[in-house]
Amino acid sequence: MTTLRGMTWNHTRGYLPMVATAQRFTEIHPDIEIVWEKRSLKAFEEFPVEKLAADYDLMVIDHPFSGSWYPHAFISTMADVMRFADGETTTLPTHVEDAFKTMATVEATYLSSTSGATPIPT
């Protein structure tokens, strides 16, 4: 089983939808598990998001200052794709399977949204 790690903020709006979506996703894709962790907005503010992005597969952030780091989270990956397309390198640091996992997560989110809420055991 593949386990993906996710990070979001410790608010009902941030954490509970991710856990519910992960539960539904695993029902559809039983070979992939998504485990969500949470931290306060203050903790997001005090720790470089780029470093969090290196440790987690998925991140959901709802913070007014998120726009300042957003471009940097993708610069390396996009630069690698451009070097590959230009023939400067023959390998990519990421795999197409990563994109499939992302799209499967998005699909599960849509399905979860259209089928109503999934109760989270407490």
Protein backbone atom coordinates (compact mmCIF):
# COMPACT_ATOMS: atom_id res chain seq x y z
CA MET A 1 0.00 0.00 0.00
CA THR A 2 1.17 3.50 -0.83
CA THR A 3 0.79 6.06 1.94
CA LEU A 4 0.63 9.74 1.09
CA ARG A 5 1.19 12.32 3.81
CA GLY A 6 -0.86 15.49 3.87
CA MET A 7 -0.56 18.69 5.90
CA THR A 8 -3.33 21.20 6.52
CA TRP A 9 -4.27 23.71 9.18
CA ASN A 10 -5.98 22.78 12.44
CA HIS A 11 -9.39 24.22 11.73
CA THR A 12 -12.62 22.39 11.00
CA ARG A 13 -12.63 23.92 7.53
CA GLY A 14 -9.08 22.70 6.89
CA TYR A 15 -8.78 19.31 8.55
CA LEU A 16 -12.17 17.57 8.52
CA PRO A 17 -12.82 17.84 4.75
CA MET A 18 -9.37 16.41 4.05
CA VAL A 19 -9.92 13.44 6.36
CA ALA A 20 -13.36 12.78 4.84
CA THR A 21 -11.99 13.04 1.31
CA ALA A 22 -9.07 10.75 2.17
CA GLN A 23 -11.50 8.18 3.55
CA ARG A 24 -13.55 8.25 0.34
CA PHE A 25 -10.41 8.19 -1.79
CA THR A 26 -9.18 5.02 -0.07
CA GLU A 27 -12.58 3.39 -0.65
CA ILE A 28 -12.15 4.03 -4.38
CA HIS A 29 -8.38 3.34 -4.45
CA PRO A 30 -7.73 0.76 -1.69
CA ASP A 31 -4.03 0.56 -2.54
CA ILE A 32 -3.46 4.23 -1.56
CA GLU A 33 -3.89 5.70 1.91
CA ILE A 34 -3.78 9.42 2.69
CA VAL A 35 -2.82 10.39 6.23
CA TRP A 36 -3.49 14.02 7.17
CA GLU A 37 -1.63 15.97 9.83
CA LYS A 38 -2.48 19.49 11.00
CA ARG A 39 -0.74 22.55 12.38
CA SER A 40 -1.83 26.00 13.46
CA LEU A 41 -1.74 28.99 11.11
CA LYS A 42 0.90 30.44 13.42
CA ALA A 43 3.01 27.33 12.90
CA PHE A 44 2.61 27.72 9.12
CA GLU A 45 3.70 31.33 9.41
CA GLU A 46 6.75 30.52 11.53
CA PHE A 47 8.09 27.62 9.42
CA PRO A 48 9.07 27.84 5.74
CA VAL A 49 6.31 26.28 3.68
CA GLU A 50 8.89 25.18 1.10
CA LYS A 51 10.40 22.89 3.75
CA LEU A 52 6.97 21.47 4.58
CA ALA A 53 6.39 20.84 0.88
CA ALA A 54 9.54 18.73 0.81
CA ASP A 55 8.19 16.51 3.62
CA TYR A 56 4.55 16.13 2.53
CA ASP A 57 2.86 14.81 -0.59
CA LEU A 58 -0.23 17.03 -0.23
CA MET A 59 -0.79 20.40 1.42
CA VAL A 60 -3.90 22.52 1.95
CA ILE A 61 -3.30 26.01 3.23
CA ASP A 62 -5.80 28.78 3.88
CA HIS A 63 -3.65 31.69 4.92
CA PRO A 64 -3.58 35.31 3.72
CA PHE A 65 0.19 35.17 3.20
CA SER A 66 0.27 31.93 1.20
CA GLY A 67 0.68 33.86 -2.05
CA SER A 68 4.23 34.88 -1.16
CA TRP A 69 5.59 31.30 -1.19
CA TYR A 70 3.30 29.70 -3.78
CA PRO A 71 5.48 30.30 -6.88
CA HIS A 72 8.58 28.93 -5.13
CA ALA A 73 6.89 25.61 -4.38
CA PHE A 74 6.79 24.84 -8.11
CA ILE A 75 9.86 26.58 -9.53
CA SER A 76 12.20 23.62 -9.18
CA THR A 77 9.79 21.09 -10.67
CA MET A 78 8.84 23.33 -13.58
CA ALA A 79 12.47 24.20 -14.27
CA ASP A 80 13.30 20.48 -14.38
CA VAL A 81 10.48 19.86 -16.88
CA MET A 82 11.72 22.72 -19.06
CA ARG A 83 15.32 21.39 -19.00
CA PHE A 84 14.01 17.95 -19.96
CA ALA A 85 11.92 19.39 -22.82
CA ASP A 86 14.98 21.32 -24.07
CA GLY A 87 17.12 18.18 -24.00
CA GLU A 88 19.44 19.50 -21.28
CA THR A 89 18.75 16.44 -19.13
CA THR A 90 17.47 12.94 -19.82
CA THR A 91 15.78 12.30 -16.50
CA LEU A 92 13.03 13.92 -14.46
CA PRO A 93 13.14 14.04 -10.64
CA THR A 94 9.43 13.22 -10.43
CA HIS A 95 7.35 10.56 -12.13
CA VAL A 96 4.10 10.63 -14.07
CA GLU A 97 2.62 8.43 -11.34
CA ASP A 98 2.76 11.50 -9.06
CA ALA A 99 0.42 13.34 -11.42
CA PHE A 100 -1.93 10.34 -11.52
CA LYS A 101 -2.08 10.29 -7.70
CA THR A 102 -2.83 14.01 -7.64
CA MET A 103 -5.62 13.64 -10.19
CA ALA A 104 -7.04 10.63 -8.35
CA THR A 105 -7.17 12.75 -5.19
CA VAL A 106 -8.97 15.53 -7.07
CA GLU A 107 -11.40 12.97 -8.50
CA ALA A 108 -12.13 11.63 -5.02
CA THR A 109 -12.75 15.17 -3.81
CA TYR A 110 -15.32 15.74 -6.55
CA LEU A 111 -17.01 12.40 -5.86
CA SER A 112 -17.10 13.10 -2.15
CA SER A 113 -18.55 16.54 -2.80
CA THR A 114 -21.35 15.20 -5.01
CA SER A 115 -22.26 12.31 -2.72
CA GLY A 116 -22.59 14.32 0.46
CA ALA A 117 -20.64 14.28 3.65
CA THR A 118 -18.86 11.18 4.90
CA PRO A 119 -19.08 10.83 8.68
CA ILE A 120 -15.72 10.76 10.41
CA PRO A 121 -15.53 8.31 13.32
CA THR A 122 -14.61 9.98 16.58
